[in-house]
Amino acid sequence: GNLAEREAAMKKIVLLSDTHGLLREEVRALLAEADAVVHAGDFDTPEVADALRACAEPHLVRGNNDGAWAEDLPRTLAFTIEGVRFFLAHNRRDVPRGLNGVDVVVCGHSHKYASEDRGGVLWLNPGGCGRRRFGLELTLCLMEVDAGRYRVEKIFLPREG
């Protein structure tokens, strides 16, 4: 098809984790442009989860710091966007062994960005982009998906004062 049709099929996804009660302005701006949002848990507050639920196509799982308010959120979630098959969990220990039929596994918890191809499956940790923890950089990911193909970009957030 023409370029406009191709761009219509392509979806922009924001992948993030470990916001810990804080949705920074830079993150809100990215979410406003996204076709889908994937959050790997540790919202800490229902307000952050509600803000993400209000975004286009939310895919959310519960983290170890999410309290009783988050009981309706699953611990793991499998879903497909534009032919790319995802498996989402807060902690990589919650990903079943021998997981098949998945293109991208997204986990959080460590606050450390990681991207690793394991046997044709991308294991992605977008890092943390909420309250700074352990002196680590603040990161999240942007992903473009189209007809079963994807491209991932690591986004650094500026260090505050």
N, C-alpha and C. Protein backbone atom coordinates (compact mmCIF):
# COMPACT_ATOMS: atom_id res chain seq x y z
N GLY A 1 0.82 -1.20 0.00
CA GLY A 1 0.00 0.00 0.00
C GLY A 1 0.86 1.25 0.00
N ASN A 2 0.20 2.39 0.00
CA ASN A 2 0.96 3.64 -0.01
C ASN A 2 1.50 3.95 1.39
N LEU A 3 2.29 5.00 1.47
CA LEU A 3 2.97 5.34 2.72
C LEU A 3 1.97 5.64 3.83
N ALA A 4 0.92 6.37 3.52
CA ALA A 4 -0.07 6.72 4.54
C ALA A 4 -0.70 5.47 5.14
N GLU A 5 -1.00 4.47 4.30
CA GLU A 5 -1.57 3.22 4.80
C GLU A 5 -0.57 2.49 5.69
N ARG A 6 0.71 2.50 5.27
CA ARG A 6 1.72 1.83 6.07
C ARG A 6 1.86 2.51 7.43
N GLU A 7 1.87 3.83 7.45
CA GLU A 7 2.00 4.53 8.72
C GLU A 7 0.78 4.31 9.60
N ALA A 8 -0.38 4.14 8.98
CA ALA A 8 -1.60 3.88 9.76
C ALA A 8 -1.51 2.53 10.45
N ALA A 9 -0.88 1.54 9.81
CA ALA A 9 -0.77 0.20 10.40
C ALA A 9 0.30 0.18 11.49
N MET A 10 1.37 0.97 11.33
CA MET A 10 2.43 0.99 12.32
C MET A 10 1.92 1.59 13.63
N LYS A 11 2.30 0.97 14.73
CA LYS A 11 1.88 1.49 16.03
C LYS A 11 3.10 1.88 16.85
N LYS A 12 2.96 2.99 17.57
CA LYS A 12 4.01 3.44 18.50
C LYS A 12 3.61 3.00 19.91
N ILE A 13 4.53 2.31 20.56
CA ILE A 13 4.29 1.79 21.91
C ILE A 13 5.30 2.41 22.87
N VAL A 14 4.81 2.86 24.02
CA VAL A 14 5.70 3.27 25.11
C VAL A 14 5.78 2.10 26.07
N LEU A 15 7.02 1.63 26.35
CA LEU A 15 7.24 0.56 27.31
C LEU A 15 7.95 1.16 28.52
N LEU A 16 7.37 0.95 29.70
CA LEU A 16 7.97 1.51 30.90
C LEU A 16 7.71 0.60 32.08
N SER A 17 8.41 0.90 33.17
CA SER A 17 8.26 0.10 34.38
C SER A 17 8.72 0.92 35.57
N ASP A 18 8.35 0.47 36.75
CA ASP A 18 8.89 1.02 38.00
C ASP A 18 8.79 2.54 38.05
N THR A 19 7.56 3.04 37.85
CA THR A 19 7.33 4.48 37.94
C THR A 19 7.26 4.93 39.39
N HIS A 20 6.93 4.03 40.31
CA HIS A 20 6.95 4.32 41.75
C HIS A 20 6.31 5.66 42.10
N GLY A 21 5.06 5.83 41.65
CA GLY A 21 4.28 6.98 42.09
C GLY A 21 4.55 8.26 41.33
N LEU A 22 5.39 8.21 40.30
CA LEU A 22 5.77 9.44 39.60
C LEU A 22 5.70 9.25 38.09
N LEU A 23 4.83 10.04 37.43
CA LEU A 23 4.80 10.09 35.97
C LEU A 23 5.36 11.44 35.56
N ARG A 24 6.62 11.45 35.15
CA ARG A 24 7.29 12.70 34.78
C ARG A 24 6.65 13.32 33.54
N GLU A 25 6.83 14.63 33.40
CA GLU A 25 6.25 15.35 32.24
C GLU A 25 6.74 14.77 30.93
N GLU A 26 8.03 14.42 30.86
CA GLU A 26 8.59 13.86 29.62
C GLU A 26 7.89 12.55 29.27
N VAL A 27 7.55 11.77 30.30
CA VAL A 27 6.87 10.48 30.09
C VAL A 27 5.43 10.73 29.64
N ARG A 28 4.76 11.68 30.28
CA ARG A 28 3.38 12.02 29.89
C ARG A 28 3.32 12.47 28.43
N ALA A 29 4.32 13.23 28.00
CA ALA A 29 4.35 13.72 26.61
C ALA A 29 4.48 12.55 25.64
N LEU A 30 5.33 11.57 25.97
CA LEU A 30 5.47 10.38 25.11
C LEU A 30 4.19 9.56 25.09
N LEU A 31 3.55 9.42 26.25
CA LEU A 31 2.31 8.64 26.34
C LEU A 31 1.21 9.27 25.48
N ALA A 32 1.19 10.60 25.42
CA ALA A 32 0.15 11.30 24.66
C ALA A 32 0.24 11.00 23.16
N GLU A 33 1.44 10.63 22.69
CA GLU A 33 1.66 10.34 21.27
C GLU A 33 1.54 8.85 20.94
N ALA A 34 1.40 8.03 21.96
CA ALA A 34 1.51 6.58 21.76
C ALA A 34 0.17 5.96 21.33
N ASP A 35 0.29 4.84 20.59
CA ASP A 35 -0.88 4.04 20.22
C ASP A 35 -1.16 2.96 21.25
N ALA A 36 -0.14 2.64 22.08
CA ALA A 36 -0.30 1.63 23.13
C ALA A 36 0.72 1.92 24.22
N VAL A 37 0.40 1.47 25.43
CA VAL A 37 1.33 1.60 26.55
C VAL A 37 1.47 0.24 27.23
N VAL A 38 2.73 -0.10 27.56
CA VAL A 38 3.04 -1.36 28.24
C VAL A 38 3.80 -0.99 29.51
N HIS A 39 3.24 -1.33 30.68
CA HIS A 39 3.88 -1.01 31.96
C HIS A 39 4.10 -2.30 32.73
N ALA A 40 5.37 -2.55 33.10
CA ALA A 40 5.74 -3.81 33.74
C ALA A 40 5.68 -3.75 35.27
N GLY A 41 4.80 -2.92 35.82
CA GLY A 41 4.53 -2.97 37.25
C GLY A 41 5.36 -2.04 38.12
N ASP A 42 4.98 -2.00 39.40
CA ASP A 42 5.46 -1.04 40.39
C ASP A 42 5.05 0.39 40.03
N PHE A 43 3.73 0.55 39.96
CA PHE A 43 3.13 1.88 39.82
C PHE A 43 3.26 2.59 41.17
N ASP A 44 3.05 1.83 42.26
CA ASP A 44 3.00 2.28 43.65
C ASP A 44 1.70 2.96 44.04
N THR A 45 1.11 3.73 43.11
CA THR A 45 -0.13 4.44 43.45
C THR A 45 -1.20 4.16 42.40
N PRO A 46 -2.45 4.12 42.82
CA PRO A 46 -3.52 3.92 41.85
C PRO A 46 -3.61 5.08 40.85
N GLU A 47 -3.17 6.28 41.26
CA GLU A 47 -3.22 7.43 40.35
C GLU A 47 -2.38 7.20 39.10
N VAL A 48 -1.18 6.62 39.28
CA VAL A 48 -0.32 6.36 38.12
C VAL A 48 -0.97 5.29 37.23
N ALA A 49 -1.49 4.24 37.84
CA ALA A 49 -2.14 3.18 37.05
C ALA A 49 -3.35 3.74 36.31
N ASP A 50 -4.14 4.60 36.97
CA ASP A 50 -5.31 5.19 36.32
C ASP A 50 -4.91 6.08 35.15
N ALA A 51 -3.82 6.83 35.30
CA ALA A 51 -3.34 7.69 34.21
C ALA A 51 -2.96 6.83 33.01
N LEU A 52 -2.36 5.66 33.26
CA LEU A 52 -1.96 4.77 32.17
C LEU A 52 -3.17 4.06 31.57
N ARG A 53 -4.16 3.72 32.41
CA ARG A 53 -5.38 3.08 31.91
C ARG A 53 -6.11 4.02 30.96
N ALA A 54 -5.93 5.34 31.15
CA ALA A 54 -6.59 6.34 30.31
C ALA A 54 -5.89 6.50 28.96
N CYS A 55 -4.70 5.92 28.82
CA CYS A 55 -3.95 6.01 27.56
C CYS A 55 -4.51 5.01 26.55
N ALA A 56 -4.06 5.16 25.32
CA ALA A 56 -4.47 4.23 24.28
C ALA A 56 -3.95 2.84 24.58
N GLU A 57 -4.80 1.86 24.45
CA GLU A 57 -4.44 0.44 24.53
C GLU A 57 -3.46 0.12 25.67
N PRO A 58 -3.91 0.18 26.93
CA PRO A 58 -3.01 -0.12 28.05
C PRO A 58 -2.83 -1.62 28.29
N HIS A 59 -1.59 -2.03 28.54
CA HIS A 59 -1.24 -3.40 28.92
C HIS A 59 -0.44 -3.27 30.22
N LEU A 60 -1.04 -3.66 31.35
CA LEU A 60 -0.46 -3.38 32.65
C LEU A 60 -0.41 -4.65 33.50
N VAL A 61 0.69 -4.84 34.23
CA VAL A 61 0.77 -5.92 35.21
C VAL A 61 1.16 -5.34 36.57
N ARG A 62 0.87 -6.13 37.58
CA ARG A 62 1.11 -5.74 38.96
C ARG A 62 2.56 -6.00 39.35
N GLY A 63 3.15 -5.07 40.11
CA GLY A 63 4.50 -5.26 40.63
C GLY A 63 4.49 -5.57 42.11
N ASN A 64 5.64 -5.88 42.67
CA ASN A 64 5.73 -6.28 44.08
C ASN A 64 5.43 -5.13 45.04
N ASN A 65 5.49 -3.87 44.57
CA ASN A 65 5.17 -2.74 45.43
C ASN A 65 3.75 -2.23 45.24
N ASP A 66 2.97 -2.91 44.42
CA ASP A 66 1.59 -2.49 44.17
C ASP A 66 0.68 -3.17 45.18
N GLY A 67 -0.04 -2.36 45.95
CA GLY A 67 -0.81 -2.85 47.09
C GLY A 67 -2.17 -3.41 46.72
N ALA A 68 -3.05 -3.45 47.72
CA ALA A 68 -4.38 -4.06 47.56
C ALA A 68 -5.16 -3.42 46.42
N TRP A 69 -4.93 -2.14 46.17
CA TRP A 69 -5.65 -1.45 45.08
C TRP A 69 -5.39 -2.10 43.72
N ALA A 70 -4.27 -2.82 43.60
CA ALA A 70 -3.86 -3.38 42.30
C ALA A 70 -4.26 -4.84 42.12
N GLU A 71 -5.11 -5.37 43.03
CA GLU A 71 -5.43 -6.79 42.96
C GLU A 71 -6.11 -7.19 41.66
N ASP A 72 -6.74 -6.23 40.96
CA ASP A 72 -7.39 -6.56 39.69
C ASP A 72 -6.38 -6.66 38.54
N LEU A 73 -5.14 -6.22 38.77
CA LEU A 73 -4.11 -6.31 37.72
C LEU A 73 -3.49 -7.71 37.73
N PRO A 74 -3.29 -8.29 36.54
CA PRO A 74 -2.66 -9.62 36.49
C PRO A 74 -1.17 -9.54 36.82
N ARG A 75 -0.60 -10.67 37.24
CA ARG A 75 0.86 -10.74 37.47
C ARG A 75 1.61 -10.89 36.15
N THR A 76 0.97 -11.57 35.19
CA THR A 76 1.57 -11.73 33.86
C THR A 76 0.47 -11.50 32.83
N LEU A 77 0.89 -11.15 31.60
CA LEU A 77 -0.07 -10.84 30.55
C LEU A 77 0.55 -11.18 29.20
N ALA A 78 -0.20 -11.87 28.37
CA ALA A 78 0.23 -12.14 26.99
C ALA A 78 -0.71 -11.39 26.07
N PHE A 79 -0.16 -10.72 25.07
CA PHE A 79 -0.97 -9.94 24.13
C PHE A 79 -0.19 -9.76 22.83
N THR A 80 -0.90 -9.33 21.78
CA THR A 80 -0.30 -9.13 20.47
C THR A 80 -0.65 -7.73 19.98
N ILE A 81 0.34 -7.03 19.45
CA ILE A 81 0.12 -5.72 18.82
C ILE A 81 0.74 -5.78 17.43
N GLU A 82 -0.10 -5.54 16.41
CA GLU A 82 0.37 -5.52 15.02
C GLU A 82 1.23 -6.76 14.68
N GLY A 83 0.80 -7.92 15.15
CA GLY A 83 1.48 -9.16 14.81
C GLY A 83 2.69 -9.49 15.66
N VAL A 84 3.08 -8.58 16.58
CA VAL A 84 4.20 -8.85 17.50
C VAL A 84 3.61 -9.38 18.80
N ARG A 85 4.08 -10.58 19.20
CA ARG A 85 3.53 -11.27 20.38
C ARG A 85 4.38 -10.96 21.61
N PHE A 86 3.72 -10.41 22.63
CA PHE A 86 4.39 -9.96 23.86
C PHE A 86 4.03 -10.86 25.04
N PHE A 87 4.96 -10.97 25.98
CA PHE A 87 4.67 -11.53 27.30
C PHE A 87 5.21 -10.54 28.31
N LEU A 88 4.35 -10.13 29.25
CA LEU A 88 4.68 -9.07 30.20
C LEU A 88 4.62 -9.59 31.62
N ALA A 89 5.65 -9.30 32.40
CA ALA A 89 5.68 -9.65 33.83
C ALA A 89 6.53 -8.61 34.55
N HIS A 90 6.27 -8.40 35.83
CA HIS A 90 7.10 -7.45 36.57
C HIS A 90 8.49 -8.03 36.80
N ASN A 91 8.53 -9.24 37.31
CA ASN A 91 9.79 -9.88 37.66
C ASN A 91 10.07 -11.01 36.67
N ARG A 92 11.27 -11.06 36.14
CA ARG A 92 11.56 -12.08 35.13
C ARG A 92 11.41 -13.50 35.69
N ARG A 93 11.45 -13.65 37.02
CA ARG A 93 11.22 -14.97 37.63
C ARG A 93 9.79 -15.46 37.40
N ASP A 94 8.87 -14.53 37.07
CA ASP A 94 7.48 -14.91 36.81
C ASP A 94 7.23 -15.32 35.37
N VAL A 95 8.27 -15.28 34.53
CA VAL A 95 8.13 -15.73 33.14
C VAL A 95 8.30 -17.24 33.12
N PRO A 96 7.29 -17.97 32.60
CA PRO A 96 7.39 -19.43 32.62
C PRO A 96 8.56 -19.94 31.79
N ARG A 97 9.20 -21.00 32.27
CA ARG A 97 10.27 -21.65 31.50
C ARG A 97 9.66 -22.27 30.25
N GLY A 98 10.41 -22.29 29.17
CA GLY A 98 9.93 -22.91 27.95
C GLY A 98 8.79 -22.15 27.31
N LEU A 99 8.75 -20.85 27.53
CA LEU A 99 7.72 -20.01 26.94
C LEU A 99 7.85 -20.03 25.42
N ASN A 100 6.76 -20.35 24.73
CA ASN A 100 6.78 -20.42 23.27
C ASN A 100 5.81 -19.42 22.67
N GLY A 101 5.98 -19.15 21.37
CA GLY A 101 5.04 -18.30 20.67
C GLY A 101 5.09 -16.85 21.09
N VAL A 102 6.27 -16.39 21.48
CA VAL A 102 6.43 -15.01 21.94
C VAL A 102 7.60 -14.38 21.18
N ASP A 103 7.44 -13.11 20.82
CA ASP A 103 8.51 -12.37 20.15
C ASP A 103 9.29 -11.48 21.12
N VAL A 104 8.56 -10.90 22.09
CA VAL A 104 9.17 -9.94 23.02
C VAL A 104 8.69 -10.24 24.44
N VAL A 105 9.65 -10.41 25.37
CA VAL A 105 9.34 -10.55 26.79
C VAL A 105 9.73 -9.24 27.46
N VAL A 106 8.78 -8.63 28.18
CA VAL A 106 9.05 -7.36 28.86
C VAL A 106 8.93 -7.59 30.37
N CYS A 107 10.00 -7.25 31.10
CA CYS A 107 10.01 -7.34 32.56
C CYS A 107 10.60 -6.07 33.12
N GLY A 108 10.28 -5.79 34.37
CA GLY A 108 10.84 -4.62 35.06
C GLY A 108 11.61 -5.08 36.29
N HIS A 109 11.32 -4.42 37.42
CA HIS A 109 11.77 -4.79 38.76
C HIS A 109 13.19 -4.33 39.10
N SER A 110 14.16 -4.52 38.20
CA SER A 110 15.56 -4.24 38.57
C SER A 110 15.92 -2.76 38.43
N HIS A 111 15.10 -1.99 37.74
CA HIS A 111 15.37 -0.58 37.44
C HIS A 111 16.54 -0.40 36.49
N LYS A 112 17.08 -1.50 35.96
CA LYS A 112 18.22 -1.42 35.04
C LYS A 112 17.77 -1.78 33.64
N TYR A 113 18.05 -0.89 32.68
CA TYR A 113 17.72 -1.16 31.29
C TYR A 113 18.48 -2.38 30.82
N ALA A 114 17.80 -3.25 30.08
CA ALA A 114 18.45 -4.41 29.48
C ALA A 114 17.73 -4.79 28.21
N SER A 115 18.48 -5.17 27.21
CA SER A 115 17.91 -5.63 25.94
C SER A 115 18.80 -6.76 25.45
N GLU A 116 18.20 -7.95 25.32
CA GLU A 116 18.99 -9.13 25.00
C GLU A 116 18.19 -10.03 24.06
N ASP A 117 18.81 -10.44 22.96
CA ASP A 117 18.18 -11.40 22.06
C ASP A 117 18.55 -12.80 22.53
N ARG A 118 17.54 -13.58 22.90
CA ARG A 118 17.77 -14.96 23.33
C ARG A 118 17.01 -15.88 22.40
N GLY A 119 17.73 -16.48 21.46
CA GLY A 119 17.11 -17.43 20.54
C GLY A 119 15.98 -16.82 19.73
N GLY A 120 16.16 -15.58 19.29
CA GLY A 120 15.15 -14.93 18.47
C GLY A 120 14.04 -14.25 19.25
N VAL A 121 14.12 -14.28 20.58
CA VAL A 121 13.15 -13.59 21.43
C VAL A 121 13.88 -12.42 22.09
N LEU A 122 13.28 -11.22 21.99
CA LEU A 122 13.86 -10.05 22.64
C LEU A 122 13.40 -10.02 24.10
N TRP A 123 14.36 -10.03 25.02
CA TRP A 123 14.08 -9.85 26.45
C TRP A 123 14.42 -8.41 26.76
N LEU A 124 13.40 -7.65 27.17
CA LEU A 124 13.54 -6.22 27.32
C LEU A 124 13.16 -5.78 28.72
N ASN A 125 14.02 -5.01 29.35
CA ASN A 125 13.68 -4.33 30.60
C ASN A 125 13.84 -2.84 30.32
N PRO A 126 12.72 -2.10 30.32
CA PRO A 126 12.82 -0.67 29.98
C PRO A 126 13.51 0.16 31.05
N GLY A 127 13.81 -0.45 32.21
CA GLY A 127 14.43 0.29 33.31
C GLY A 127 13.37 1.01 34.11
N GLY A 128 13.79 1.91 34.97
CA GLY A 128 12.86 2.68 35.80
C GLY A 128 12.81 4.12 35.33
N CYS A 129 11.61 4.73 35.38
CA CYS A 129 11.51 6.12 34.96
C CYS A 129 10.69 6.94 35.95
N GLY A 130 10.57 6.44 37.17
CA GLY A 130 9.84 7.18 38.21
C GLY A 130 10.83 7.82 39.16
N ARG A 131 10.63 7.58 40.44
CA ARG A 131 11.58 8.13 41.42
C ARG A 131 12.93 7.45 41.22
N ARG A 132 13.98 8.25 41.28
CA ARG A 132 15.32 7.69 41.06
C ARG A 132 15.65 6.74 42.20
N ARG A 133 16.16 5.56 41.82
CA ARG A 133 16.52 4.56 42.82
C ARG A 133 17.95 4.11 42.55
N PHE A 134 18.68 3.87 43.59
CA PHE A 134 20.01 3.24 43.51
C PHE A 134 20.96 4.03 42.61
N GLY A 135 20.71 5.32 42.37
CA GLY A 135 21.59 6.11 41.52
C GLY A 135 21.59 5.71 40.05
N LEU A 136 20.60 4.92 39.62
CA LEU A 136 20.57 4.44 38.24
C LEU A 136 20.00 5.51 37.31
N GLU A 137 20.35 5.41 36.02
CA GLU A 137 19.77 6.30 35.02
C GLU A 137 18.27 6.05 34.92
N LEU A 138 17.55 7.05 34.45
CA LEU A 138 16.11 6.94 34.23
C LEU A 138 15.88 6.63 32.76
N THR A 139 15.22 5.51 32.48
CA THR A 139 15.02 5.09 31.10
C THR A 139 13.63 4.52 30.88
N LEU A 140 13.23 4.51 29.62
CA LEU A 140 12.07 3.80 29.14
C LEU A 140 12.34 3.49 27.67
N CYS A 141 11.38 2.85 27.01
CA CYS A 141 11.58 2.48 25.60
C CYS A 141 10.42 2.95 24.75
N LEU A 142 10.76 3.28 23.52
CA LEU A 142 9.76 3.47 22.48
C LEU A 142 9.93 2.34 21.50
N MET A 143 8.81 1.79 21.06
CA MET A 143 8.86 0.70 20.09
C MET A 143 7.89 1.02 18.96
N GLU A 144 8.33 0.77 17.74
CA GLU A 144 7.43 0.84 16.60
C GLU A 144 7.20 -0.59 16.13
N VAL A 145 5.93 -0.96 15.99
CA VAL A 145 5.60 -2.31 15.51
C VAL A 145 4.76 -2.20 14.25
N ASP A 146 5.01 -3.10 13.33
CA ASP A 146 4.29 -3.09 12.06
C ASP A 146 4.40 -4.47 11.43
N ALA A 147 3.26 -5.10 11.23
CA ALA A 147 3.20 -6.38 10.50
C ALA A 147 4.21 -7.40 11.03
N GLY A 148 4.26 -7.55 12.35
CA GLY A 148 5.13 -8.57 12.95
C GLY A 148 6.58 -8.15 13.10
N ARG A 149 6.94 -6.95 12.66
CA ARG A 149 8.31 -6.46 12.83
C ARG A 149 8.31 -5.33 13.86
N TYR A 150 9.45 -5.12 14.50
CA TYR A 150 9.52 -4.05 15.50
C TYR A 150 10.90 -3.41 15.51
N ARG A 151 10.91 -2.20 16.04
CA ARG A 151 12.15 -1.45 16.23
C ARG A 151 12.06 -0.82 17.62
N VAL A 152 13.12 -0.94 18.42
CA VAL A 152 13.11 -0.45 19.79
C VAL A 152 14.13 0.67 19.94
N GLU A 153 13.74 1.70 20.67
CA GLU A 153 14.64 2.81 20.96
C GLU A 153 14.66 3.03 22.47
N LYS A 154 15.87 3.09 23.03
CA LYS A 154 16.02 3.39 24.46
C LYS A 154 15.95 4.90 24.63
N ILE A 155 15.14 5.35 25.58
CA ILE A 155 14.98 6.79 25.86
C ILE A 155 15.57 7.07 27.25
N PHE A 156 16.49 8.02 27.30
CA PHE A 156 17.05 8.49 28.57
C PHE A 156 16.28 9.71 29.01
N LEU A 157 15.92 9.79 30.28
CA LEU A 157 15.32 11.00 30.81
C LEU A 157 16.42 11.83 31.47
N PRO A 158 16.29 13.15 31.37
CA PRO A 158 17.36 14.00 31.94
C PRO A 158 17.44 13.83 33.45
N ARG A 159 18.66 13.92 33.94
CA ARG A 159 18.85 13.90 35.40
C ARG A 159 18.40 15.24 35.96
N GLU A 160 17.60 15.18 36.99
CA GLU A 160 17.19 16.45 37.59
C GLU A 160 18.28 16.93 38.55
N GLY A 161 18.41 18.25 38.68
CA GLY A 161 19.37 18.98 39.52
C GLY A 161 20.18 18.28 40.44
